[in-house]
């Protein structure tokens, strides 16, 4: 018998699967909302993470794409999913000064105290009293 058996094939290591995943992560990074939503609607896991644990929401939030963040959250993405460094999408949005994304994440239940550093801690470090007020109003 030649080649892998169906039981021994690891889909996560399949070159075509890896290529598709890379494309989906790029869609999140670049804010291509319609295409990203179509892939998720077609079966790409909404909480898919890359090799650093960054979710699609994290990438869209960090790169300032409110429509993509909304589309992912509306499809069930976890707003508090941390990456391998313990960072949340909300903290990433605070770090980048993406106030609209911060508001969207909060509206979808993101916890400002989650993660390391948390969004609250990041806002304090950057002197973002406006965001601190948002967190207080949300908590």
Protein backbone atom coordinates (compact mmCIF):
# COMPACT_ATOMS: atom_id res chain seq x y z
CA UNK A 1 0.00 0.00 0.00
CA UNK A 2 1.38 3.42 -0.90
CA UNK A 3 0.53 6.82 0.46
CA UNK A 4 -1.13 7.74 3.74
CA UNK A 5 -4.26 6.01 4.86
CA UNK A 6 -7.29 8.18 5.59
CA UNK A 7 -6.74 7.54 9.31
CA UNK A 8 -3.15 8.81 9.22
CA UNK A 9 -3.73 11.93 7.14
CA UNK A 10 -3.51 15.08 9.21
CA UNK A 11 -5.67 17.75 7.55
CA UNK A 12 -3.91 20.57 9.43
CA UNK A 13 -0.65 19.64 7.68
CA UNK A 14 -2.16 19.27 4.21
CA UNK A 15 -0.49 21.89 1.95
CA UNK A 16 -3.85 22.87 0.45
CA UNK A 17 -5.38 23.36 3.90
CA UNK A 18 -2.39 25.44 5.01
CA UNK A 19 -2.64 27.55 1.85
CA UNK A 20 -6.36 28.14 2.44
CA UNK A 21 -5.74 29.06 6.08
CA UNK A 22 -3.02 31.54 5.07
CA UNK A 23 -5.44 33.13 2.61
CA UNK A 24 -8.18 33.44 5.25
CA UNK A 25 -5.76 35.02 7.74
CA UNK A 26 -4.74 37.53 5.05
CA UNK A 27 -8.41 38.34 4.41
CA UNK A 28 -8.84 39.14 8.11
CA UNK A 29 -5.62 41.21 8.18
CA UNK A 30 -6.68 43.21 5.13
CA UNK A 31 -10.34 43.58 6.11
CA UNK A 32 -11.84 41.84 3.07
CA UNK A 33 -15.13 41.40 4.90
CA UNK A 34 -17.30 39.91 2.15
CA UNK A 35 -14.79 37.23 1.15
CA UNK A 36 -13.88 36.45 4.76
CA UNK A 37 -17.56 36.06 5.68
CA UNK A 38 -18.12 33.82 2.65
CA UNK A 39 -15.29 31.50 3.73
CA UNK A 40 -16.67 31.29 7.27
CA UNK A 41 -20.17 30.71 5.93
CA UNK A 42 -18.74 27.92 3.75
CA UNK A 43 -17.25 26.13 6.75
CA UNK A 44 -13.94 27.76 7.73
CA UNK A 45 -13.94 27.74 11.56
CA UNK A 46 -14.78 31.24 12.81
CA UNK A 47 -12.30 30.80 15.70
CA UNK A 48 -9.46 29.55 13.47
CA UNK A 49 -6.05 30.57 14.86
CA UNK A 50 -2.63 30.88 13.26
CA UNK A 51 0.69 29.55 14.56
CA UNK A 52 0.83 32.37 17.15
CA UNK A 53 -2.69 31.73 18.37
CA UNK A 54 -4.07 34.86 16.71
CA UNK A 55 -7.72 34.37 15.79
CA UNK A 56 -9.37 35.90 12.75
CA UNK A 57 -11.03 38.44 15.08
CA UNK A 58 -7.64 39.32 16.60
CA UNK A 59 -6.14 39.99 13.17
CA UNK A 60 -9.11 42.03 11.97
CA UNK A 61 -9.26 44.00 15.25
CA UNK A 62 -5.53 44.68 15.43
CA UNK A 63 -5.45 45.89 11.83
CA UNK A 64 -8.48 48.17 12.32
CA UNK A 65 -11.24 46.53 10.28
CA UNK A 66 -14.53 47.13 12.11
CA UNK A 67 -16.72 45.55 9.40
CA UNK A 68 -14.66 42.35 9.38
CA UNK A 69 -14.71 42.23 13.20
CA UNK A 70 -18.49 42.64 13.18
CA UNK A 71 -18.96 39.95 10.51
CA UNK A 72 -16.87 37.47 12.48
CA UNK A 73 -18.54 38.24 15.81
CA UNK A 74 -21.97 37.96 14.20
CA UNK A 75 -20.93 34.47 13.06
CA UNK A 76 -20.05 33.37 16.58
CA UNK A 77 -16.38 34.32 16.94
CA UNK A 78 -15.13 34.47 20.53
CA UNK A 79 -14.38 38.14 21.36
CA UNK A 80 -12.16 37.12 24.30
CA UNK A 81 -10.05 34.39 22.68
CA UNK A 82 -6.45 35.02 23.69
CA UNK A 83 -3.44 34.40 21.51
CA UNK A 84 -0.35 32.49 22.65
CA UNK A 85 0.89 35.61 24.47
CA UNK A 86 -2.35 36.00 26.43
CA UNK A 87 -3.56 39.02 24.45
CA UNK A 88 -7.22 39.55 23.52
CA UNK A 89 -8.62 41.22 20.40
CA UNK A 90 -9.86 44.06 22.64
CA UNK A 91 -6.39 44.70 24.04
CA UNK A 92 -5.01 44.60 20.48
CA UNK A 93 -7.55 47.19 19.36
CA UNK A 94 -6.67 49.41 22.33
CA UNK A 95 -2.97 49.06 21.57
CA UNK A 96 -3.59 50.20 17.99
CA UNK A 97 -6.02 52.97 19.00
CA UNK A 98 -8.92 51.46 17.06
CA UNK A 99 -11.81 53.01 19.00
CA UNK A 100 -14.55 51.83 16.61
CA UNK A 101 -13.28 48.25 16.88
CA UNK A 102 -13.15 48.61 20.68
CA UNK A 103 -16.80 49.68 20.70
CA UNK A 104 -17.83 46.74 18.48
CA UNK A 105 -15.98 44.21 20.63
CA UNK A 106 -17.56 45.63 23.80
CA UNK A 107 -21.01 45.50 22.20
CA UNK A 108 -20.40 41.80 21.50
CA UNK A 109 -19.48 41.03 25.10
CA UNK A 110 -15.69 41.38 25.14
CA UNK A 111 -14.28 41.53 28.67
CA UNK A 112 -11.97 44.54 29.19
CA UNK A 113 -10.31 42.71 32.11
CA UNK A 114 -9.43 39.56 30.14
CA UNK A 115 -5.94 38.79 28.91
CA UNK A 116 -2.42 39.88 29.71
CA UNK A 117 -2.13 42.78 29.50
CA UNK A 118 -5.85 43.39 29.63
CA UNK A 119 -7.54 46.09 27.59
CA UNK A 120 -7.92 48.08 30.81
CA UNK A 121 -4.18 47.87 31.49
CA UNK A 122 -3.36 48.79 27.89
CA UNK A 123 -5.68 51.81 28.04
CA UNK A 124 -4.00 52.94 31.27
CA UNK A 125 -0.51 52.58 29.76
CA UNK A 126 -1.51 54.66 26.74
CA UNK A 127 -3.42 57.24 28.78
CA UNK A 128 -6.69 56.51 26.98
CA UNK A 129 -9.15 57.88 29.52
CA UNK A 130 -11.85 57.87 26.83
CA UNK A 131 -11.51 54.10 26.53
CA UNK A 132 -11.39 53.71 30.31
CA UNK A 133 -14.77 55.48 30.41
CA UNK A 134 -16.10 53.07 27.78
CA UNK A 135 -14.95 50.12 29.88
CA UNK A 136 -16.54 51.55 33.01
CA UNK A 137 -19.79 52.12 31.16
CA UNK A 138 -19.69 48.60 29.81
CA UNK A 139 -18.88 46.80 33.07
